[in-house]
C-alpha atoms as a PDB file:
ATOM      1  CA  MET A   1      37.469  79.232 111.079  1.00  0.00           C
ATOM      2  CA  PHE A   2      35.163  76.340 112.002  1.00  0.00           C
ATOM      3  CA  GLU A   3      35.357  72.738 111.862  1.00  0.00           C
ATOM      4  CA  LEU A   4      32.127  71.255 110.351  1.00  0.00           C
ATOM      5  CA  ASP A   5      30.992  66.963 111.504  1.00  0.00           C
ATOM      6  CA  LEU A   6      31.319  65.156 108.306  1.00  0.00           C
ATOM      7  CA  ARG A   7      30.008  61.671 110.152  1.00  0.00           C
ATOM      8  CA  SER A   8      26.970  63.536 110.838  1.00  0.00           C
ATOM      9  CA  ARG A   9      23.507  63.085 109.213  1.00  0.00           C
ATOM     10  CA  LYS A  10      22.515  66.596 108.614  1.00  0.00           C
ATOM     11  CA  PRO A  11      23.762  67.859 105.264  1.00  0.00           C
ATOM     12  CA  ILE A  12      26.790  69.872 104.925  1.00  0.00           C
ATOM     13  CA  TYR A  13      26.053  72.732 103.489  1.00  0.00           C
ATOM     14  CA  GLU A  14      22.528  72.811 106.221  1.00  0.00           C
ATOM     15  CA  GLN A  15      26.323  72.507 109.124  1.00  0.00           C
ATOM     16  CA  LEU A  16      27.780  75.481 107.195  1.00  0.00           C
ATOM     17  CA  VAL A  17      24.272  77.647 106.720  1.00  0.00           C
ATOM     18  CA  GLU A  18      24.228  77.418 110.430  1.00  0.00           C
ATOM     19  CA  LYS A  19      27.399  77.604 111.750  1.00  0.00           C
ATOM     20  CA  LEU A  20      28.325  81.635 108.998  1.00  0.00           C
ATOM     21  CA  LYS A  21      25.087  81.957 110.672  1.00  0.00           C
ATOM     22  CA  GLN A  22      26.174  81.609 114.088  1.00  0.00           C
ATOM     23  CA  LEU A  23      29.582  83.961 113.461  1.00  0.00           C
ATOM     24  CA  ILE A  24      27.423  86.348 111.967  1.00  0.00           C
ATOM     25  CA  ILE A  25      25.218  86.734 115.179  1.00  0.00           C
ATOM     26  CA  ASN A  26      27.879  87.035 117.210  1.00  0.00           C
ATOM     27  CA  ASP A  27      28.590  89.351 115.696  1.00  0.00           C
ATOM     28  CA  VAL A  28      31.856  87.702 114.401  1.00  0.00           C
ATOM     29  CA  LEU A  29      31.768  88.163 111.286  1.00  0.00           C
ATOM     30  CA  LYS A  30      31.118  91.937 111.144  1.00  0.00           C
ATOM     31  CA  GLN A  31      28.005  93.748 108.735  1.00  0.00           C
ATOM     32  CA  ASP A  32      29.696  94.411 104.955  1.00  0.00           C
ATOM     33  CA  GLU A  33      32.287  91.823 105.544  1.00  0.00           C
ATOM     34  CA  LYS A  34      33.942  89.776 102.962  1.00  0.00           C
ATOM     35  CA  LEU A  35      33.532  86.286 102.875  1.00  0.00           C
ATOM     36  CA  PRO A  36      35.602  83.497 101.773  1.00  0.00           C
ATOM     37  CA  SER A  37      35.503  83.085  98.199  1.00  0.00           C
ATOM     38  CA  VAL A  38      33.882  79.930  97.358  1.00  0.00           C
ATOM     39  CA  ARG A  39      36.483  78.497  95.993  1.00  0.00           C
ATOM     40  CA  THR A  40      38.960  78.973  99.261  1.00  0.00           C
ATOM     41  CA  LEU A  41      36.369  78.146 101.423  1.00  0.00           C
ATOM     42  CA  ALA A  42      36.057  74.873  99.895  1.00  0.00           C
ATOM     43  CA  GLN A  43      39.708  74.309  99.855  1.00  0.00           C
ATOM     44  CA  GLN A  44      40.290  75.207 103.451  1.00  0.00           C
ATOM     45  CA  LEU A  45      37.271  72.506 104.644  1.00  0.00           C
ATOM     46  CA  SER A  46      38.159  70.229 101.406  1.00  0.00           C
ATOM     47  CA  ILE A  47      34.668  70.473 100.517  1.00  0.00           C
ATOM     48  CA  ASN A  48      32.898  70.574  97.040  1.00  0.00           C
ATOM     49  CA  PRO A  49      32.651  74.399  96.354  1.00  0.00           C
ATOM     50  CA  ASN A  50      28.597  73.522  94.604  1.00  0.00           C
ATOM     51  CA  THR A  51      28.712  73.049  98.763  1.00  0.00           C
ATOM     52  CA  ILE A  52      29.548  76.549  99.616  1.00  0.00           C
ATOM     53  CA  GLN A  53      27.652  77.825  96.917  1.00  0.00           C
ATOM     54  CA  LYS A  54      24.203  76.186  97.686  1.00  0.00           C
ATOM     55  CA  ALA A  55      25.518  77.012 101.357  1.00  0.00           C
ATOM     56  CA  TYR A  56      25.860  81.248 100.298  1.00  0.00           C
ATOM     57  CA  ARG A  57      22.574  80.888  97.574  1.00  0.00           C
ATOM     58  CA  GLU A  58      20.532  80.027 100.960  1.00  0.00           C
ATOM     59  CA  LEU A  59      22.177  82.397 103.118  1.00  0.00           C
ATOM     60  CA  GLU A  60      21.201  84.791 100.640  1.00  0.00           C
ATOM     61  CA  ALA A  61      17.561  83.654 100.678  1.00  0.00           C
ATOM     62  CA  GLN A  62      17.247  83.847 104.255  1.00  0.00           C
ATOM     63  CA  GLY A  63      19.049  87.909 104.147  1.00  0.00           C
ATOM     64  CA  TYR A  64      22.329  87.234 105.763  1.00  0.00           C
ATOM     65  CA  ILE A  65      24.416  87.270 103.271  1.00  0.00           C
ATOM     66  CA  TYR A  66      24.826  89.527 100.102  1.00  0.00           C
ATOM     67  CA  SER A  67      26.317  89.048  96.807  1.00  0.00           C
ATOM     68  CA  VAL A  68      28.470  91.470  94.272  1.00  0.00           C
ATOM     69  CA  LYS A  69      28.665  90.469  90.996  1.00  0.00           C
ATOM     70  CA  GLY A  70      32.692  89.798  90.986  1.00  0.00           C
ATOM     71  CA  LYS A  71      33.246  91.200  94.104  1.00  0.00           C
ATOM     72  CA  GLY A  72      32.319  88.300  96.479  1.00  0.00           C
ATOM     73  CA  SER A  73      29.727  87.570  99.431  1.00  0.00           C
ATOM     74  CA  PHE A  74      29.391  89.760 102.380  1.00  0.00           C
ATOM     75  CA  VAL A  75      27.659  90.954 105.396  1.00  0.00           C
ATOM     76  CA  ASN A  76      24.063  91.690 105.618  1.00  0.00           C
ATOM     77  CA  HIS A  77      22.638  94.734 107.552  1.00  0.00           C
ATOM     78  CA  MET A  78      21.074  92.118 109.950  1.00  0.00           C
ATOM     79  CA  LEU A  79      17.648  93.871 110.302  1.00  0.00           C
ATOM     80  CA  ILE A  80      14.596  92.885 112.722  1.00  0.00           C
ATOM     81  CA  THR A  81      11.981  93.274 109.923  1.00  0.00           C
ATOM     82  CA  ASP A  82      13.803  92.123 107.447  1.00  0.00           C
ATOM     83  CA  ASN A  83      13.682  88.259 108.766  1.00  0.00           C
ATOM     84  CA  ALA A  84       9.986  87.990 110.385  1.00  0.00           C
ATOM     85  CA  ALA A  85       9.418  85.144 108.928  1.00  0.00           C
ATOM     86  CA  GLU A  86      12.138  83.364 109.782  1.00  0.00           C
ATOM     87  CA  LEU A  87      12.213  84.585 113.074  1.00  0.00           C
ATOM     88  CA  LYS A  88       8.008  83.425 112.776  1.00  0.00           C
ATOM     89  CA  LYS A  89       9.770  79.850 111.576  1.00  0.00           C
ATOM     90  CA  VAL A  90      12.768  80.024 114.360  1.00  0.00           C
ATOM     91  CA  LYS A  91       9.981  80.456 116.858  1.00  0.00           C
ATOM     92  CA  GLU A  92       7.629  77.171 116.458  1.00  0.00           C
ATOM     93  CA  GLN A  93      10.746  74.659 116.653  1.00  0.00           C
ATOM     94  CA  ILE A  94      11.354  76.471 120.120  1.00  0.00           C
ATOM     95  CA  LYS A  95       8.530  75.793 121.299  1.00  0.00           C
ATOM     96  CA  LYS A  96       8.824  72.391 119.902  1.00  0.00           C
ATOM     97  CA  GLN A  97      12.190  71.207 121.495  1.00  0.00           C
ATOM     98  CA  MET A  98      10.327  73.464 124.724  1.00  0.00           C
ATOM     99  CA  SER A  99       7.291  70.757 124.523  1.00  0.00           C
ATOM    100  CA  GLU A 100       9.892  68.101 124.248  1.00  0.00           C
ATOM    101  CA  ALA A 101      11.542  68.640 126.460  1.00  0.00           C
ATOM    102  CA  LEU A 102       9.629  69.482 129.177  1.00  0.00           C
ATOM    103  CA  PHE A 103       7.788  66.178 128.256  1.00  0.00           C
ATOM    104  CA  LEU A 104      11.245  64.300 128.914  1.00  0.00           C
ATOM    105  CA  GLY A 105      11.651  65.884 132.658  1.00  0.00           C
ATOM    106  CA  VAL A 106      12.710  69.202 131.773  1.00  0.00           C
ATOM    107  CA  THR A 107      11.903  71.637 134.042  1.00  0.00           C
ATOM    108  CA  VAL A 108      10.570  74.735 133.799  1.00  0.00           C
ATOM    109  CA  LYS A 109      14.127  76.407 136.146  1.00  0.00           C
ATOM    110  CA  GLU A 110      16.166  74.491 133.769  1.00  0.00           C
ATOM    111  CA  LEU A 111      14.942  76.010 130.389  1.00  0.00           C
ATOM    112  CA  GLN A 112      14.816  78.782 132.226  1.00  0.00           C
ATOM    113  CA  SER A 113      18.943  78.177 132.680  1.00  0.00           C
ATOM    114  CA  LEU A 114      19.101  77.541 129.144  1.00  0.00           C
ATOM    115  CA  ILE A 115      17.512  80.960 128.445  1.00  0.00           C
ATOM    116  CA  THR A 116      19.979  82.831 130.110  1.00  0.00           C
ATOM    117  CA  GLU A 117      22.926  80.520 128.786  1.00  0.00           C
ATOM    118  CA  ALA A 118      22.134  81.366 125.503  1.00  0.00           C
ATOM    119  CA  ASN A 119      21.543  85.046 125.780  1.00  0.00           C
ATOM    120  CA  GLN A 120      24.924  85.562 127.446  1.00  0.00           C
ATOM    121  CA  SER A 121      26.322  84.471 124.579  1.00  0.00           C
ATOM    122  CA  VAL A 122      24.528  86.407 121.610  1.00  0.00           C
ATOM    123  CA  VAL A 123      24.508  90.192 124.079  1.00  0.00           C
ATOM    124  CA  GLY A 124      27.624  88.791 125.633  1.00  0.00           C
ATOM    125  CA  GLY A 125      26.982  88.929 129.642  1.00  0.00           C
ATOM    126  CA  GLU A 126      24.930  92.001 129.785  1.00  0.00           C
ATOM    127  CA  THR A 127      22.193  89.820 130.978  1.00  0.00           C
ATOM    128  CA  ASN A 128      21.988  91.240 134.816  1.00  0.00           C
ATOM    129  CA  ASP A 129      20.868  94.775 133.906  1.00  0.00           C
ATOM    130  CA  PRO A 130      17.001  93.926 133.738  1.00  0.00           C
ATOM    131  CA  SER A 131      16.542  96.858 131.257  1.00  0.00           C
ATOM    132  CA  SER A 132      18.109  94.325 128.274  1.00  0.00           C
ATOM    133  CA  GLU A 133      16.209  94.573 125.591  1.00  0.00           C
ATOM    134  CA  ARG A 134      17.241  91.365 125.159  1.00  0.00           C
ATOM    135  CA  GLU A 135      15.804  90.447 128.278  1.00  0.00           C
ATOM    136  CA  LYS A 136      12.424  91.991 127.356  1.00  0.00           C
ATOM    137  CA  GLU A 137      12.062  90.468 124.660  1.00  0.00           C
ATOM    138  CA  ILE A 138      12.024  86.362 126.035  1.00  0.00           C
END
């Protein structure tokens, strides 16, 4: 499904959360799709099941997945209204990163190009349509 960098300074559970979020956001994991069990994923990635459980709890707290006792974890319905706090946090992080990039000499045009690339990866290349809602938001 994906690979984790075991030598990274970032904790494994955070890497796992990030990777699963990407799969959900990019619609690789569909709404109501069952996630691999904790044991199965731990065996596939050769990591402690507690690490997987911690990542699943974090994703559930953020509203990306939901759990059904005895059945497993599933991809949640992504509603824009449900993630207002998370969205605010992400916007603050983006603003901080952009400020740092500008300070280090990245041009506004380069930042706009990066935004377009990111939008294309999420939308699937439909960014040339000026009526696109995502493009209006950016």
